[in-house]
Amino acid sequence: MERMKRVVRVFDDFAAADAADLDDWLALSGEERMRIGEGMRMEAFGVVEPGLQRVLRVVELGES
């Protein structure tokens, strides 16, 4: 697992911090974003089958 470089940045307001976060996120490749998302999923749910499941449920509407 890669080690992250620790960086401390100070901003004057929350809007500037949010803009910097968005710029950092958009600078990542799609593969890097997927790797981060998969890591967050594994932290939340543990080791499960990788990927996303598709779920379909048919619901019958009653008369109203």
N, C-alpha and C. Protein backbone atom coordinates (compact mmCIF):
# COMPACT_ATOMS: atom_id res chain seq x y z
N MET A 1 0.85 -1.18 0.00
CA MET A 1 0.00 0.00 0.00
C MET A 1 0.89 1.24 0.00
N GLU A 2 0.52 2.20 -0.82
CA GLU A 2 1.31 3.42 -0.93
C GLU A 2 1.15 4.28 0.32
N ARG A 3 2.23 4.94 0.68
CA ARG A 3 2.16 5.88 1.79
C ARG A 3 1.84 7.26 1.23
N MET A 4 0.98 7.96 1.92
CA MET A 4 0.60 9.29 1.48
C MET A 4 1.60 10.31 2.01
N LYS A 5 1.86 11.32 1.21
CA LYS A 5 2.71 12.41 1.63
C LYS A 5 1.86 13.34 2.49
N ARG A 6 2.35 13.64 3.69
CA ARG A 6 1.58 14.51 4.59
C ARG A 6 1.89 15.97 4.29
N VAL A 7 0.83 16.73 4.06
CA VAL A 7 0.96 18.15 3.71
C VAL A 7 -0.03 18.93 4.55
N VAL A 8 0.42 20.04 5.12
CA VAL A 8 -0.46 20.92 5.88
C VAL A 8 -0.60 22.23 5.10
N ARG A 9 -1.85 22.60 4.84
CA ARG A 9 -2.11 23.87 4.15
C ARG A 9 -3.07 24.68 5.00
N VAL A 10 -2.89 25.99 5.01
CA VAL A 10 -3.73 26.89 5.79
C VAL A 10 -4.47 27.80 4.83
N PHE A 11 -5.79 27.92 5.04
CA PHE A 11 -6.62 28.75 4.17
C PHE A 11 -7.30 29.83 4.99
N ASP A 12 -7.67 30.90 4.30
CA ASP A 12 -8.33 32.03 4.97
C ASP A 12 -9.80 31.76 5.26
N ASP A 13 -10.42 30.90 4.45
CA ASP A 13 -11.84 30.60 4.66
C ASP A 13 -12.16 29.20 4.13
N PHE A 14 -13.36 28.74 4.45
CA PHE A 14 -13.77 27.41 4.04
C PHE A 14 -13.92 27.29 2.53
N ALA A 15 -14.34 28.36 1.87
CA ALA A 15 -14.53 28.31 0.42
C ALA A 15 -13.20 28.04 -0.28
N ALA A 16 -12.14 28.68 0.17
CA ALA A 16 -10.82 28.46 -0.42
C ALA A 16 -10.34 27.03 -0.17
N ALA A 17 -10.60 26.50 1.02
CA ALA A 17 -10.21 25.13 1.34
C ALA A 17 -11.00 24.14 0.48
N ASP A 18 -12.30 24.38 0.30
CA ASP A 18 -13.13 23.50 -0.53
C ASP A 18 -12.66 23.53 -1.98
N ALA A 19 -12.30 24.72 -2.49
CA ALA A 19 -11.81 24.84 -3.86
C ALA A 19 -10.50 24.08 -4.04
N ALA A 20 -9.62 24.16 -3.05
CA ALA A 20 -8.35 23.43 -3.12
C ALA A 20 -8.59 21.93 -3.08
N ASP A 21 -9.53 21.47 -2.25
CA ASP A 21 -9.87 20.04 -2.20
C ASP A 21 -10.39 19.56 -3.55
N LEU A 22 -11.26 20.34 -4.17
CA LEU A 22 -11.82 19.96 -5.47
C LEU A 22 -10.72 19.92 -6.53
N ASP A 23 -9.82 20.90 -6.52
CA ASP A 23 -8.71 20.91 -7.48
C ASP A 23 -7.85 19.66 -7.31
N ASP A 24 -7.56 19.28 -6.06
CA ASP A 24 -6.75 18.09 -5.80
C ASP A 24 -7.46 16.84 -6.31
N TRP A 25 -8.77 16.74 -6.06
CA TRP A 25 -9.55 15.57 -6.48
C TRP A 25 -9.58 15.47 -8.00
N LEU A 26 -9.79 16.60 -8.69
CA LEU A 26 -9.87 16.60 -10.14
C LEU A 26 -8.51 16.32 -10.79
N ALA A 27 -7.43 16.55 -10.07
CA ALA A 27 -6.08 16.30 -10.59
C ALA A 27 -5.76 14.80 -10.60
N LEU A 28 -6.51 14.01 -9.85
CA LEU A 28 -6.28 12.57 -9.81
C LEU A 28 -6.83 11.92 -11.08
N SER A 29 -6.23 10.81 -11.46
CA SER A 29 -6.75 10.06 -12.60
C SER A 29 -7.99 9.28 -12.14
N GLY A 30 -8.76 8.80 -13.10
CA GLY A 30 -9.93 8.00 -12.77
C GLY A 30 -9.56 6.75 -12.00
N GLU A 31 -8.43 6.14 -12.36
CA GLU A 31 -7.96 4.95 -11.66
C GLU A 31 -7.62 5.26 -10.20
N GLU A 32 -6.99 6.40 -9.95
CA GLU A 32 -6.65 6.79 -8.58
C GLU A 32 -7.92 7.04 -7.76
N ARG A 33 -8.92 7.67 -8.37
CA ARG A 33 -10.18 7.92 -7.67
C ARG A 33 -10.89 6.62 -7.34
N MET A 34 -10.88 5.66 -8.27
CA MET A 34 -11.50 4.37 -8.01
C MET A 34 -10.76 3.63 -6.89
N ARG A 35 -9.42 3.73 -6.87
CA ARG A 35 -8.64 3.07 -5.82
C ARG A 35 -8.99 3.66 -4.45
N ILE A 36 -9.15 4.98 -4.39
CA ILE A 36 -9.52 5.62 -3.13
C ILE A 36 -10.92 5.17 -2.70
N GLY A 37 -11.86 5.16 -3.64
CA GLY A 37 -13.22 4.73 -3.33
C GLY A 37 -13.27 3.28 -2.87
N GLU A 38 -12.49 2.42 -3.53
CA GLU A 38 -12.45 1.01 -3.13
C GLU A 38 -11.86 0.87 -1.74
N GLY A 39 -10.84 1.67 -1.41
CA GLY A 39 -10.26 1.63 -0.07
C GLY A 39 -11.26 2.06 0.98
N MET A 40 -12.06 3.09 0.69
CA MET A 40 -13.08 3.55 1.63
C MET A 40 -14.16 2.49 1.81
N ARG A 41 -14.54 1.82 0.70
CA ARG A 41 -15.54 0.76 0.78
C ARG A 41 -15.04 -0.39 1.64
N MET A 42 -13.77 -0.75 1.46
CA MET A 42 -13.21 -1.86 2.24
C MET A 42 -13.13 -1.50 3.73
N GLU A 43 -12.83 -0.25 4.04
CA GLU A 43 -12.82 0.18 5.44
C GLU A 43 -14.21 0.06 6.05
N ALA A 44 -15.23 0.42 5.27
CA ALA A 44 -16.59 0.41 5.79
C ALA A 44 -17.19 -0.99 5.88
N PHE A 45 -16.93 -1.84 4.88
CA PHE A 45 -17.62 -3.12 4.79
C PHE A 45 -16.71 -4.34 4.89
N GLY A 46 -15.41 -4.13 4.96
CA GLY A 46 -14.48 -5.26 5.03
C GLY A 46 -14.26 -5.88 3.66
N VAL A 47 -13.68 -7.05 3.67
CA VAL A 47 -13.35 -7.74 2.42
C VAL A 47 -14.60 -8.42 1.88
N VAL A 48 -15.05 -7.96 0.75
CA VAL A 48 -16.18 -8.55 0.04
C VAL A 48 -15.80 -8.63 -1.43
N GLU A 49 -16.66 -9.21 -2.22
CA GLU A 49 -16.39 -9.31 -3.65
C GLU A 49 -16.17 -7.92 -4.23
N PRO A 50 -15.05 -7.71 -4.94
CA PRO A 50 -14.78 -6.36 -5.48
C PRO A 50 -15.78 -5.97 -6.55
N GLY A 51 -15.95 -4.67 -6.71
CA GLY A 51 -16.84 -4.15 -7.74
C GLY A 51 -18.19 -3.74 -7.16
N LEU A 52 -19.04 -3.32 -8.03
CA LEU A 52 -20.36 -2.86 -7.64
C LEU A 52 -21.39 -3.89 -8.07
N GLN A 53 -22.39 -4.11 -7.23
CA GLN A 53 -23.46 -5.02 -7.58
C GLN A 53 -24.62 -4.23 -8.16
N ARG A 54 -25.33 -4.87 -9.06
CA ARG A 54 -26.55 -4.26 -9.59
C ARG A 54 -27.72 -4.97 -8.95
N VAL A 55 -28.65 -4.20 -8.46
CA VAL A 55 -29.80 -4.77 -7.77
C VAL A 55 -31.05 -4.26 -8.46
N LEU A 56 -31.95 -5.18 -8.75
CA LEU A 56 -33.22 -4.82 -9.38
C LEU A 56 -34.33 -5.43 -8.55
N ARG A 57 -35.32 -4.62 -8.22
CA ARG A 57 -36.45 -5.11 -7.45
C ARG A 57 -37.73 -4.57 -8.10
N VAL A 58 -38.66 -5.46 -8.33
CA VAL A 58 -39.94 -5.07 -8.91
C VAL A 58 -40.94 -4.88 -7.78
N VAL A 59 -41.57 -3.72 -7.75
CA VAL A 59 -42.54 -3.42 -6.71
C VAL A 59 -43.88 -3.18 -7.39
N GLU A 60 -44.88 -3.92 -6.95
CA GLU A 60 -46.21 -3.72 -7.50
C GLU A 60 -46.93 -2.63 -6.72
N LEU A 61 -47.51 -1.69 -7.43
CA LEU A 61 -48.22 -0.59 -6.81
C LEU A 61 -49.65 -1.01 -6.49
N GLY A 62 -50.12 -0.64 -5.32
CA GLY A 62 -51.48 -0.96 -4.94
C GLY A 62 -52.44 0.11 -5.45
N GLU A 63 -53.71 -0.21 -5.43
CA GLU A 63 -54.75 0.75 -5.82
C GLU A 63 -54.91 1.80 -4.73
N SER A 64 -55.07 3.05 -5.14
CA SER A 64 -55.29 4.08 -4.12
C SER A 64 -56.48 4.95 -4.41
